[in-house]
Amino acid sequence: MKVAVLSESSADEAAVQVLVGSILGREIQIVSVSARRAHGISGVFNVLPAAFKELHYHTDADGVVVVVDSDHLPIHEERHEQPGGADERCRRCKLRQVVSRVQGGLRAVPGRSPLKVAFGVAVPIMEAWYLCGTDPRVNEATWKLGLQARSDPYTKLALKKGVYGTERPSLSLETQRAITEAQRLTRDLPLLERLFPSGFGALAQDLRRW
């Protein structure tokens, strides 16, 4: 299966590729996009429309996976799935809205099936996923309680230090650790789904519908 992966850094994209292949239970071939983009959340949202069109018209990709961080924004909830219930601040809702708008303007390509799409939102950042199973404090429920109380149970810098041993890792270290932790997580995906249901669990559900 040919898949494009968009995330906030090349290190996170490398980890997502490992997780996607494990969820799908098959070997995947990565399809790259030519659109230039900056790192971070704005880079993903800025490039997504052009990247989706490129993948649709100019590649033989079967699907695209988009994974971003939630940061301090609302976590996706079941009520967001109801008609008119989408939350503009929720990044899963926002990703779906962007892709829906792009899909609505695409013309059919003979012999080309519509791109499959899967969205994941790491709560609060990808490093929380990387710590799954190694730090019992780190999970979506704990972070959600912190959002409600306006008191973070841990900082994003603390999560980074927990994964990399430093708050300012090099890209090579980020990539190495991201891949290593993703490979570890593939041995217990149900745990990652249970502790991060709105972000990783929803991503896994999207992919299993492919």
N, C-alpha and C. Protein backbone atom coordinates (compact mmCIF):
# COMPACT_ATOMS: atom_id res chain seq x y z
N MET A 1 0.84 -1.19 0.00
CA MET A 1 0.00 0.00 0.00
C MET A 1 0.88 1.24 0.00
N LYS A 2 0.50 2.23 -0.81
CA LYS A 2 1.27 3.46 -0.93
C LYS A 2 0.61 4.56 -0.12
N VAL A 3 1.37 5.14 0.80
CA VAL A 3 0.81 6.08 1.77
C VAL A 3 1.69 7.31 1.91
N ALA A 4 1.07 8.48 2.00
CA ALA A 4 1.77 9.71 2.32
C ALA A 4 1.53 10.03 3.78
N VAL A 5 2.55 10.54 4.46
CA VAL A 5 2.44 10.89 5.88
C VAL A 5 2.85 12.34 6.07
N LEU A 6 1.97 13.12 6.71
CA LEU A 6 2.28 14.51 7.03
C LEU A 6 2.21 14.69 8.54
N SER A 7 3.28 15.24 9.11
CA SER A 7 3.29 15.55 10.54
C SER A 7 4.12 16.80 10.75
N GLU A 8 4.36 17.14 12.01
CA GLU A 8 4.98 18.42 12.30
C GLU A 8 6.50 18.42 12.15
N SER A 9 7.11 17.25 12.06
CA SER A 9 8.55 17.15 11.84
C SER A 9 8.85 15.85 11.13
N SER A 10 10.01 15.78 10.50
CA SER A 10 10.40 14.54 9.82
C SER A 10 10.61 13.41 10.81
N ALA A 11 11.01 13.73 12.05
CA ALA A 11 11.18 12.71 13.08
C ALA A 11 9.83 12.07 13.42
N ASP A 12 8.81 12.90 13.60
CA ASP A 12 7.48 12.37 13.90
C ASP A 12 6.93 11.59 12.71
N GLU A 13 7.21 12.04 11.50
CA GLU A 13 6.74 11.31 10.32
C GLU A 13 7.36 9.91 10.27
N ALA A 14 8.62 9.81 10.67
CA ALA A 14 9.29 8.50 10.68
C ALA A 14 8.60 7.57 11.67
N ALA A 15 8.23 8.09 12.83
CA ALA A 15 7.55 7.27 13.84
C ALA A 15 6.15 6.89 13.37
N VAL A 16 5.43 7.82 12.77
CA VAL A 16 4.08 7.55 12.29
C VAL A 16 4.10 6.46 11.22
N GLN A 17 5.10 6.48 10.38
CA GLN A 17 5.22 5.44 9.35
C GLN A 17 5.30 4.05 9.97
N VAL A 18 6.07 3.92 11.05
CA VAL A 18 6.20 2.65 11.74
C VAL A 18 4.85 2.22 12.31
N LEU A 19 4.16 3.15 12.96
CA LEU A 19 2.87 2.84 13.59
C LEU A 19 1.81 2.50 12.55
N VAL A 20 1.79 3.24 11.45
CA VAL A 20 0.80 2.99 10.41
C VAL A 20 0.96 1.59 9.81
N GLY A 21 2.21 1.22 9.52
CA GLY A 21 2.46 -0.11 8.98
C GLY A 21 2.01 -1.21 9.92
N SER A 22 2.20 -0.98 11.22
CA SER A 22 1.80 -1.97 12.22
C SER A 22 0.28 -2.06 12.31
N ILE A 23 -0.41 -0.93 12.30
CA ILE A 23 -1.87 -0.93 12.38
C ILE A 23 -2.48 -1.62 11.16
N LEU A 24 -1.95 -1.31 9.98
CA LEU A 24 -2.48 -1.88 8.75
C LEU A 24 -2.10 -3.35 8.60
N GLY A 25 -1.04 -3.75 9.28
CA GLY A 25 -0.60 -5.13 9.20
C GLY A 25 -0.03 -5.51 7.85
N ARG A 26 0.57 -4.52 7.18
CA ARG A 26 1.15 -4.80 5.88
C ARG A 26 2.29 -3.81 5.63
N GLU A 27 3.11 -4.13 4.69
CA GLU A 27 4.20 -3.23 4.34
C GLU A 27 3.64 -2.03 3.59
N ILE A 28 4.13 -0.84 3.93
CA ILE A 28 3.68 0.35 3.24
C ILE A 28 4.85 1.00 2.50
N GLN A 29 4.54 1.61 1.40
CA GLN A 29 5.51 2.37 0.62
C GLN A 29 5.18 3.84 0.77
N ILE A 30 6.14 4.63 1.20
CA ILE A 30 5.90 6.04 1.47
C ILE A 30 5.95 6.86 0.18
N VAL A 31 4.92 7.68 0.00
CA VAL A 31 4.85 8.59 -1.13
C VAL A 31 5.12 9.99 -0.61
N SER A 32 6.09 10.66 -1.18
CA SER A 32 6.44 12.00 -0.72
C SER A 32 5.70 13.05 -1.55
N VAL A 33 5.60 14.24 -0.97
CA VAL A 33 4.99 15.37 -1.69
C VAL A 33 6.06 16.42 -1.91
N SER A 34 5.93 17.16 -3.00
CA SER A 34 6.96 18.13 -3.36
C SER A 34 6.76 19.49 -2.70
N ALA A 35 5.55 19.76 -2.22
CA ALA A 35 5.26 21.07 -1.63
C ALA A 35 6.19 21.35 -0.45
N ARG A 36 6.81 22.50 -0.47
CA ARG A 36 7.71 22.88 0.62
C ARG A 36 6.89 23.36 1.81
N ARG A 37 7.37 23.07 3.00
CA ARG A 37 6.64 23.52 4.18
C ARG A 37 7.58 23.72 5.35
N ALA A 38 7.15 24.56 6.26
CA ALA A 38 7.89 24.78 7.50
C ALA A 38 7.49 23.69 8.49
N HIS A 39 8.35 23.47 9.49
CA HIS A 39 7.99 22.52 10.54
C HIS A 39 6.90 23.13 11.42
N GLY A 40 6.26 22.28 12.19
CA GLY A 40 5.27 22.76 13.14
C GLY A 40 3.86 22.67 12.60
N ILE A 41 2.92 23.03 13.47
CA ILE A 41 1.51 22.89 13.14
C ILE A 41 1.11 23.77 11.97
N SER A 42 1.61 25.00 11.90
CA SER A 42 1.24 25.87 10.79
C SER A 42 1.74 25.31 9.47
N GLY A 43 2.90 24.67 9.50
CA GLY A 43 3.43 24.06 8.28
C GLY A 43 2.51 22.98 7.74
N VAL A 44 1.95 22.16 8.63
CA VAL A 44 1.04 21.10 8.20
C VAL A 44 -0.23 21.69 7.59
N PHE A 45 -0.87 22.62 8.29
CA PHE A 45 -2.11 23.18 7.78
C PHE A 45 -1.90 23.99 6.51
N ASN A 46 -0.77 24.66 6.39
CA ASN A 46 -0.51 25.46 5.20
C ASN A 46 -0.31 24.59 3.96
N VAL A 47 0.34 23.45 4.13
CA VAL A 47 0.67 22.61 2.97
C VAL A 47 -0.40 21.59 2.64
N LEU A 48 -1.29 21.29 3.59
CA LEU A 48 -2.23 20.19 3.41
C LEU A 48 -3.08 20.30 2.15
N PRO A 49 -3.70 21.45 1.84
CA PRO A 49 -4.52 21.51 0.62
C PRO A 49 -3.71 21.20 -0.64
N ALA A 50 -2.55 21.82 -0.79
CA ALA A 50 -1.73 21.59 -1.98
C ALA A 50 -1.22 20.16 -2.03
N ALA A 51 -0.83 19.61 -0.87
CA ALA A 51 -0.33 18.24 -0.82
C ALA A 51 -1.42 17.26 -1.20
N PHE A 52 -2.64 17.49 -0.72
CA PHE A 52 -3.74 16.58 -1.03
C PHE A 52 -4.04 16.59 -2.53
N LYS A 53 -4.05 17.77 -3.12
CA LYS A 53 -4.29 17.86 -4.56
C LYS A 53 -3.18 17.17 -5.35
N GLU A 54 -1.94 17.38 -4.93
CA GLU A 54 -0.82 16.73 -5.60
C GLU A 54 -0.94 15.21 -5.53
N LEU A 55 -1.28 14.70 -4.35
CA LEU A 55 -1.41 13.27 -4.19
C LEU A 55 -2.55 12.71 -5.05
N HIS A 56 -3.62 13.47 -5.15
CA HIS A 56 -4.78 13.02 -5.93
C HIS A 56 -4.50 13.01 -7.43
N TYR A 57 -3.91 14.09 -7.93
CA TYR A 57 -3.74 14.24 -9.36
C TYR A 57 -2.43 13.67 -9.92
N HIS A 58 -1.39 13.64 -9.11
CA HIS A 58 -0.07 13.37 -9.67
C HIS A 58 0.66 12.18 -9.05
N THR A 59 0.01 11.41 -8.21
CA THR A 59 0.65 10.22 -7.63
C THR A 59 -0.31 9.05 -7.67
N ASP A 60 0.21 7.88 -7.35
CA ASP A 60 -0.64 6.69 -7.23
C ASP A 60 -0.81 6.29 -5.77
N ALA A 61 -0.73 7.29 -4.87
CA ALA A 61 -0.91 7.01 -3.43
C ALA A 61 -2.31 6.47 -3.18
N ASP A 62 -2.39 5.52 -2.25
CA ASP A 62 -3.68 4.97 -1.84
C ASP A 62 -4.33 5.81 -0.75
N GLY A 63 -3.48 6.42 0.12
CA GLY A 63 -4.04 7.18 1.23
C GLY A 63 -3.05 8.16 1.80
N VAL A 64 -3.57 9.01 2.68
CA VAL A 64 -2.73 10.00 3.35
C VAL A 64 -3.05 9.98 4.84
N VAL A 65 -2.02 10.04 5.66
CA VAL A 65 -2.15 10.07 7.11
C VAL A 65 -1.61 11.40 7.61
N VAL A 66 -2.40 12.09 8.41
CA VAL A 66 -1.98 13.38 8.97
C VAL A 66 -2.02 13.28 10.49
N VAL A 67 -0.89 13.56 11.13
CA VAL A 67 -0.80 13.50 12.59
C VAL A 67 -0.19 14.80 13.10
N VAL A 68 -0.89 15.46 14.02
CA VAL A 68 -0.40 16.71 14.61
C VAL A 68 -0.55 16.64 16.13
N ASP A 69 0.01 17.62 16.81
CA ASP A 69 -0.12 17.73 18.26
C ASP A 69 -1.39 18.51 18.62
N SER A 70 -1.96 18.21 19.79
CA SER A 70 -3.11 18.99 20.25
C SER A 70 -2.68 20.23 21.02
N ASP A 71 -1.46 20.18 21.61
CA ASP A 71 -0.97 21.26 22.47
C ASP A 71 -2.01 21.52 23.57
N HIS A 72 -2.43 22.76 23.75
CA HIS A 72 -3.39 23.06 24.83
C HIS A 72 -4.82 23.24 24.31
N LEU A 73 -5.08 22.79 23.09
CA LEU A 73 -6.41 22.92 22.52
C LEU A 73 -7.30 21.74 22.93
N PRO A 74 -8.61 21.88 22.76
CA PRO A 74 -9.54 20.84 23.21
C PRO A 74 -9.28 19.48 22.56
N ILE A 75 -9.47 18.44 23.34
CA ILE A 75 -9.34 17.07 22.84
C ILE A 75 -10.62 16.68 22.11
N HIS A 76 -10.47 15.94 21.03
CA HIS A 76 -11.64 15.53 20.25
C HIS A 76 -12.58 14.67 21.10
N GLU A 77 -13.88 14.94 20.97
CA GLU A 77 -14.89 14.22 21.75
C GLU A 77 -15.97 13.69 20.83
N GLU A 78 -16.75 12.74 21.35
CA GLU A 78 -17.82 12.11 20.58
C GLU A 78 -18.83 13.15 20.09
N ARG A 79 -19.09 14.17 20.92
CA ARG A 79 -20.08 15.18 20.52
C ARG A 79 -19.63 15.97 19.29
N HIS A 80 -18.34 15.99 19.02
CA HIS A 80 -17.86 16.68 17.82
C HIS A 80 -18.31 15.97 16.55
N GLU A 81 -18.69 14.69 16.69
CA GLU A 81 -19.10 13.90 15.53
C GLU A 81 -20.55 14.17 15.14
N GLN A 82 -21.30 14.82 16.00
CA GLN A 82 -22.71 15.08 15.73
C GLN A 82 -22.85 16.21 14.71
N PRO A 83 -23.94 16.22 13.94
CA PRO A 83 -24.16 17.31 12.98
C PRO A 83 -24.07 18.68 13.67
N GLY A 84 -23.21 19.51 13.17
CA GLY A 84 -23.03 20.84 13.73
C GLY A 84 -22.22 20.86 15.01
N GLY A 85 -21.67 19.72 15.40
CA GLY A 85 -20.95 19.63 16.67
C GLY A 85 -19.46 19.86 16.59
N ALA A 86 -18.91 20.04 15.41
CA ALA A 86 -17.46 20.22 15.26
C ALA A 86 -16.99 21.44 16.05
N ASP A 87 -15.84 21.29 16.69
CA ASP A 87 -15.24 22.38 17.47
C ASP A 87 -14.10 22.98 16.65
N GLU A 88 -14.19 24.25 16.34
CA GLU A 88 -13.19 24.92 15.50
C GLU A 88 -11.80 24.88 16.12
N ARG A 89 -11.74 24.74 17.46
CA ARG A 89 -10.42 24.71 18.11
C ARG A 89 -9.82 23.30 18.11
N CYS A 90 -10.65 22.29 17.93
CA CYS A 90 -10.18 20.90 17.94
C CYS A 90 -9.43 20.62 16.64
N ARG A 91 -8.21 20.14 16.74
CA ARG A 91 -7.41 19.98 15.53
C ARG A 91 -7.88 18.81 14.66
N ARG A 92 -8.46 17.78 15.25
CA ARG A 92 -9.01 16.71 14.41
C ARG A 92 -10.19 17.26 13.59
N CYS A 93 -11.05 18.01 14.23
CA CYS A 93 -12.17 18.64 13.51
C CYS A 93 -11.65 19.54 12.40
N LYS A 94 -10.63 20.33 12.72
CA LYS A 94 -10.10 21.28 11.74
C LYS A 94 -9.46 20.56 10.56
N LEU A 95 -8.72 19.49 10.83
CA LEU A 95 -8.11 18.72 9.75
C LEU A 95 -9.18 18.16 8.82
N ARG A 96 -10.22 17.62 9.41
CA ARG A 96 -11.30 17.04 8.61
C ARG A 96 -11.99 18.11 7.76
N GLN A 97 -12.16 19.30 8.31
CA GLN A 97 -12.80 20.38 7.56
C GLN A 97 -11.93 20.80 6.37
N VAL A 98 -10.62 20.91 6.60
CA VAL A 98 -9.72 21.29 5.51
C VAL A 98 -9.77 20.27 4.39
N VAL A 99 -9.65 18.99 4.74
CA VAL A 99 -9.66 17.94 3.73
C VAL A 99 -11.01 17.86 3.02
N SER A 100 -12.09 18.04 3.77
CA SER A 100 -13.42 18.00 3.16
C SER A 100 -13.58 19.09 2.11
N ARG A 101 -13.07 20.29 2.41
CA ARG A 101 -13.16 21.39 1.45
C ARG A 101 -12.36 21.07 0.19
N VAL A 102 -11.17 20.51 0.38
CA VAL A 102 -10.33 20.17 -0.78
C VAL A 102 -10.99 19.07 -1.60
N GLN A 103 -11.48 18.04 -0.94
CA GLN A 103 -12.13 16.93 -1.65
C GLN A 103 -13.32 17.42 -2.48
N GLY A 104 -14.04 18.41 -1.94
CA GLY A 104 -15.20 18.92 -2.64
C GLY A 104 -14.88 19.61 -3.95
N GLY A 105 -13.63 20.04 -4.11
CA GLY A 105 -13.24 20.75 -5.33
C GLY A 105 -12.44 19.90 -6.30
N LEU A 106 -12.23 18.63 -6.00
CA LEU A 106 -11.44 17.77 -6.88
C LEU A 106 -12.30 17.19 -7.98
N ARG A 107 -11.72 17.05 -9.15
CA ARG A 107 -12.40 16.35 -10.24
C ARG A 107 -11.90 14.90 -10.29
N ALA A 108 -12.76 14.05 -10.74
CA ALA A 108 -12.40 12.63 -10.80
C ALA A 108 -11.28 12.39 -11.80
N VAL A 109 -10.39 11.47 -11.47
CA VAL A 109 -9.31 11.07 -12.37
C VAL A 109 -9.62 9.65 -12.83
N PRO A 110 -9.71 9.41 -14.13
CA PRO A 110 -10.04 8.07 -14.62
C PRO A 110 -9.11 7.00 -14.05
N GLY A 111 -9.70 5.95 -13.52
CA GLY A 111 -8.92 4.87 -12.96
C GLY A 111 -8.32 5.15 -11.60
N ARG A 112 -8.69 6.29 -11.03
CA ARG A 112 -8.11 6.72 -9.75
C ARG A 112 -9.19 6.70 -8.68
N SER A 113 -8.99 5.92 -7.62
CA SER A 113 -9.93 5.90 -6.51
C SER A 113 -9.67 7.08 -5.59
N PRO A 114 -10.69 7.57 -4.89
CA PRO A 114 -10.47 8.68 -3.93
C PRO A 114 -9.43 8.28 -2.89
N LEU A 115 -8.64 9.26 -2.48
CA LEU A 115 -7.64 9.01 -1.45
C LEU A 115 -8.30 8.62 -0.13
N LYS A 116 -7.77 7.59 0.48
CA LYS A 116 -8.19 7.26 1.84
C LYS A 116 -7.49 8.23 2.79
N VAL A 117 -8.14 8.56 3.91
CA VAL A 117 -7.59 9.56 4.82
C VAL A 117 -7.67 9.06 6.25
N ALA A 118 -6.64 9.36 7.04
CA ALA A 118 -6.64 9.03 8.47
C ALA A 118 -6.00 10.19 9.22
N PHE A 119 -6.62 10.55 10.35
CA PHE A 119 -6.14 11.67 11.16
C PHE A 119 -5.78 11.20 12.56
N GLY A 120 -4.67 11.71 13.08
CA GLY A 120 -4.31 11.46 14.47
C GLY A 120 -3.90 12.76 15.13
N VAL A 121 -4.25 12.92 16.40
CA VAL A 121 -3.85 14.11 17.16
C VAL A 121 -3.22 13.65 18.47
N ALA A 122 -1.94 13.89 18.61
CA ALA A 122 -1.21 13.46 19.81
C ALA A 122 -1.49 14.43 20.95
N VAL A 123 -1.93 13.90 22.08
CA VAL A 123 -2.31 14.71 23.25
C VAL A 123 -1.24 14.59 24.35
N PRO A 124 -0.56 15.69 24.70
CA PRO A 124 -0.60 16.99 24.04
C PRO A 124 0.38 17.10 22.87
N ILE A 125 1.43 16.22 22.86
CA ILE A 125 2.41 16.21 21.78
C ILE A 125 2.84 14.76 21.55
N MET A 126 3.52 14.52 20.43
CA MET A 126 3.92 13.16 20.07
C MET A 126 4.75 12.48 21.14
N GLU A 127 5.54 13.27 21.87
CA GLU A 127 6.39 12.66 22.90
C GLU A 127 5.57 11.95 23.98
N ALA A 128 4.31 12.35 24.17
CA ALA A 128 3.45 11.64 25.12
C ALA A 128 3.22 10.21 24.65
N TRP A 129 3.00 10.03 23.34
CA TRP A 129 2.86 8.68 22.79
C TRP A 129 4.14 7.88 23.03
N TYR A 130 5.27 8.53 22.80
CA TYR A 130 6.55 7.82 22.94
C TYR A 130 6.81 7.35 24.37
N LEU A 131 6.18 8.01 25.34
CA LEU A 131 6.35 7.63 26.74
C LEU A 131 5.29 6.64 27.23
N CYS A 132 4.36 6.30 26.34
CA CYS A 132 3.27 5.39 26.73
C CYS A 132 3.84 4.07 27.24
N GLY A 133 3.39 3.67 28.42
CA GLY A 133 3.84 2.41 29.00
C GLY A 133 5.09 2.53 29.83
N THR A 134 5.74 3.69 29.79
CA THR A 134 6.95 3.88 30.58
C THR A 134 6.77 4.91 31.69
N ASP A 135 5.80 5.82 31.53
CA ASP A 135 5.49 6.81 32.55
C ASP A 135 3.98 6.79 32.79
N PRO A 136 3.52 6.25 33.89
CA PRO A 136 2.09 6.07 34.12
C PRO A 136 1.31 7.38 34.24
N ARG A 137 1.99 8.49 34.44
CA ARG A 137 1.29 9.79 34.54
C ARG A 137 0.83 10.30 33.19
N VAL A 138 1.45 9.80 32.13
CA VAL A 138 1.26 10.38 30.81
C VAL A 138 0.16 9.64 30.05
N ASN A 139 -0.99 10.30 29.88
CA ASN A 139 -2.10 9.75 29.13
C ASN A 139 -3.11 10.86 28.86
N GLU A 140 -4.07 10.59 28.00
CA GLU A 140 -5.05 11.61 27.62
C GLU A 140 -5.92 12.05 28.80
N ALA A 141 -6.34 11.09 29.63
CA ALA A 141 -7.25 11.41 30.73
C ALA A 141 -6.60 12.40 31.69
N THR A 142 -5.34 12.17 32.01
CA THR A 142 -4.63 13.07 32.93
C THR A 142 -4.50 14.46 32.33
N TRP A 143 -4.16 14.51 31.04
CA TRP A 143 -4.02 15.82 30.39
C TRP A 143 -5.36 16.54 30.32
N LYS A 144 -6.43 15.81 30.06
CA LYS A 144 -7.76 16.42 29.98
C LYS A 144 -8.16 17.03 31.32
N LEU A 145 -7.87 16.33 32.41
CA LEU A 145 -8.16 16.88 33.74
C LEU A 145 -7.37 18.15 33.98
N GLY A 146 -6.13 18.15 33.51
CA GLY A 146 -5.31 19.34 33.64
C GLY A 146 -5.87 20.52 32.86
N LEU A 147 -6.37 20.24 31.65
CA LEU A 147 -6.99 21.31 30.86
C LEU A 147 -8.19 21.89 31.59
N GLN A 148 -9.00 21.02 32.16
CA GLN A 148 -10.20 21.48 32.87
C GLN A 148 -9.85 22.30 34.10
N ALA A 149 -8.77 21.91 34.79
CA ALA A 149 -8.34 22.61 35.99
C ALA A 149 -7.41 23.77 35.69
N ARG A 150 -7.05 23.91 34.40
CA ARG A 150 -6.07 24.92 33.97
C ARG A 150 -4.77 24.79 34.74
N SER A 151 -4.37 23.54 34.90
CA SER A 151 -3.11 23.24 35.59
C SER A 151 -2.48 22.01 34.93
N ASP A 152 -1.43 22.23 34.16
CA ASP A 152 -0.81 21.12 33.43
C ASP A 152 -0.24 20.08 34.39
N PRO A 153 -0.53 18.79 34.18
CA PRO A 153 0.05 17.75 35.01
C PRO A 153 1.53 17.53 34.74
N TYR A 154 1.96 17.97 33.58
CA TYR A 154 3.38 17.92 33.19
C TYR A 154 3.53 18.90 32.03
N THR A 155 4.74 19.33 31.79
CA THR A 155 4.97 20.28 30.71
C THR A 155 5.42 19.55 29.45
N LYS A 156 5.28 20.22 28.33
CA LYS A 156 5.73 19.63 27.08
C LYS A 156 7.25 19.47 27.08
N LEU A 157 7.94 20.40 27.71
CA LEU A 157 9.40 20.27 27.80
C LEU A 157 9.79 19.06 28.64
N ALA A 158 9.02 18.78 29.69
CA ALA A 158 9.30 17.61 30.52
C ALA A 158 9.10 16.33 29.72
N LEU A 159 8.09 16.31 28.85
CA LEU A 159 7.87 15.14 28.00
C LEU A 159 9.05 14.95 27.05
N LYS A 160 9.52 16.03 26.48
CA LYS A 160 10.66 15.93 25.57
C LYS A 160 11.90 15.40 26.30
N LYS A 161 12.12 15.92 27.51
CA LYS A 161 13.28 15.47 28.27
C LYS A 161 13.14 14.00 28.64
N GLY A 162 11.91 13.55 28.91
CA GLY A 162 11.68 12.16 29.24
C GLY A 162 11.99 11.22 28.09
N VAL A 163 11.79 11.71 26.87
CA VAL A 163 12.06 10.88 25.70
C VAL A 163 13.52 10.98 25.25
N TYR A 164 14.05 12.21 25.18
CA TYR A 164 15.35 12.43 24.57
C TYR A 164 16.48 12.63 25.57
N GLY A 165 16.15 12.84 26.85
CA GLY A 165 17.19 13.12 27.83
C GLY A 165 17.62 14.57 27.83
N THR A 166 17.00 15.38 27.00
CA THR A 166 17.30 16.80 26.90
C THR A 166 16.07 17.52 26.39
N GLU A 167 15.91 18.78 26.75
CA GLU A 167 14.77 19.56 26.27
C GLU A 167 15.00 20.10 24.87
N ARG A 168 16.24 20.03 24.38
CA ARG A 168 16.57 20.56 23.06
C ARG A 168 17.36 19.54 22.26
N PRO A 169 16.70 18.48 21.82
CA PRO A 169 17.39 17.42 21.08
C PRO A 169 17.69 17.84 19.64
N SER A 170 18.72 17.25 19.08
CA SER A 170 19.00 17.44 17.66
C SER A 170 17.97 16.64 16.86
N LEU A 171 17.84 16.97 15.58
CA LEU A 171 16.89 16.25 14.73
C LEU A 171 17.27 14.77 14.61
N SER A 172 18.55 14.49 14.55
CA SER A 172 18.99 13.09 14.44
C SER A 172 18.62 12.31 15.69
N LEU A 173 18.77 12.92 16.87
CA LEU A 173 18.39 12.25 18.11
C LEU A 173 16.87 12.07 18.16
N GLU A 174 16.14 13.11 17.78
CA GLU A 174 14.67 13.01 17.76
C GLU A 174 14.24 11.85 16.88
N THR A 175 14.82 11.75 15.70
CA THR A 175 14.43 10.72 14.75
C THR A 175 14.74 9.32 15.28
N GLN A 176 15.94 9.19 15.83
CA GLN A 176 16.36 7.89 16.37
C GLN A 176 15.43 7.44 17.49
N ARG A 177 15.15 8.34 18.43
CA ARG A 177 14.32 7.98 19.57
C ARG A 177 12.86 7.77 19.14
N ALA A 178 12.38 8.58 18.21
CA ALA A 178 11.00 8.44 17.73
C ALA A 178 10.78 7.07 17.10
N ILE A 179 11.72 6.65 16.27
CA ILE A 179 11.59 5.35 15.61
C ILE A 179 11.69 4.22 16.63
N THR A 180 12.64 4.35 17.56
CA THR A 180 12.81 3.30 18.59
C THR A 180 11.55 3.13 19.42
N GLU A 181 10.97 4.24 19.86
CA GLU A 181 9.76 4.17 20.68
C GLU A 181 8.56 3.68 19.88
N ALA A 182 8.47 4.09 18.62
CA ALA A 182 7.38 3.61 17.78
C ALA A 182 7.47 2.10 17.59
N GLN A 183 8.66 1.60 17.40
CA GLN A 183 8.84 0.15 17.26
C GLN A 183 8.45 -0.57 18.54
N ARG A 184 8.78 0.03 19.69
CA ARG A 184 8.37 -0.57 20.96
C ARG A 184 6.86 -0.58 21.08
N LEU A 185 6.22 0.51 20.70
CA LEU A 185 4.78 0.63 20.83
C LEU A 185 4.03 -0.35 19.94
N THR A 186 4.61 -0.74 18.82
CA THR A 186 3.93 -1.70 17.94
C THR A 186 3.73 -3.05 18.62
N ARG A 187 4.46 -3.31 19.69
CA ARG A 187 4.31 -4.58 20.40
C ARG A 187 3.12 -4.57 21.35
N ASP A 188 2.53 -3.37 21.59
CA ASP A 188 1.35 -3.29 22.46
C ASP A 188 0.48 -2.12 22.02
N LEU A 189 -0.02 -2.17 20.79
CA LEU A 189 -0.87 -1.11 20.29
C LEU A 189 -2.16 -0.93 21.10
N PRO A 190 -2.75 -2.02 21.64
CA PRO A 190 -3.96 -1.83 22.45
C PRO A 190 -3.74 -0.91 23.65
N LEU A 191 -2.54 -0.95 24.24
CA LEU A 191 -2.25 -0.06 25.37
C LEU A 191 -2.24 1.39 24.89
N LEU A 192 -1.62 1.64 23.76
CA LEU A 192 -1.57 3.01 23.23
C LEU A 192 -2.97 3.49 22.88
N GLU A 193 -3.80 2.63 22.33
CA GLU A 193 -5.18 3.01 22.01
C GLU A 193 -5.98 3.29 23.28
N ARG A 194 -5.74 2.50 24.32
CA ARG A 194 -6.50 2.66 25.57
C ARG A 194 -6.12 3.94 26.29
N LEU A 195 -4.85 4.28 26.32
CA LEU A 195 -4.40 5.46 27.05
C LEU A 195 -4.54 6.75 26.24
N PHE A 196 -4.61 6.62 24.93
CA PHE A 196 -4.75 7.79 24.05
C PHE A 196 -5.88 7.55 23.05
N PRO A 197 -7.11 7.37 23.54
CA PRO A 197 -8.22 6.97 22.66
C PRO A 197 -8.64 8.03 21.65
N SER A 198 -8.64 9.29 22.03
CA SER A 198 -9.12 10.33 21.12
C SER A 198 -8.11 10.66 20.02
N GLY A 199 -6.84 10.47 20.32
CA GLY A 199 -5.81 10.78 19.35
C GLY A 199 -5.34 9.57 18.58
N PHE A 200 -4.70 8.64 19.28
CA PHE A 200 -4.20 7.45 18.60
C PHE A 200 -5.32 6.48 18.28
N GLY A 201 -6.25 6.31 19.21
CA GLY A 201 -7.35 5.38 18.98
C GLY A 201 -8.16 5.75 17.74
N ALA A 202 -8.43 7.04 17.57
CA ALA A 202 -9.17 7.50 16.40
C ALA A 202 -8.37 7.28 15.12
N LEU A 203 -7.07 7.50 15.19
CA LEU A 203 -6.20 7.24 14.04
C LEU A 203 -6.27 5.77 13.64
N ALA A 204 -6.16 4.89 14.63
CA ALA A 204 -6.21 3.45 14.35
C ALA A 204 -7.56 3.06 13.73
N GLN A 205 -8.64 3.64 14.22
CA GLN A 205 -9.96 3.34 13.66
C GLN A 205 -10.06 3.79 12.21
N ASP A 206 -9.55 4.99 11.93
CA ASP A 206 -9.55 5.47 10.54
C ASP A 206 -8.81 4.50 9.64
N LEU A 207 -7.63 4.07 10.07
CA LEU A 207 -6.80 3.20 9.25
C LEU A 207 -7.44 1.83 9.04
N ARG A 208 -8.10 1.33 10.06
CA ARG A 208 -8.73 0.00 9.94
C ARG A 208 -9.95 0.02 9.02
N ARG A 209 -10.46 1.20 8.71
CA ARG A 209 -11.55 1.31 7.74
C ARG A 209 -11.03 1.26 6.30
N TRP A 210 -9.71 1.41 6.13
CA TRP A 210 -9.15 1.35 4.80
C TRP A 210 -9.33 -0.04 4.17
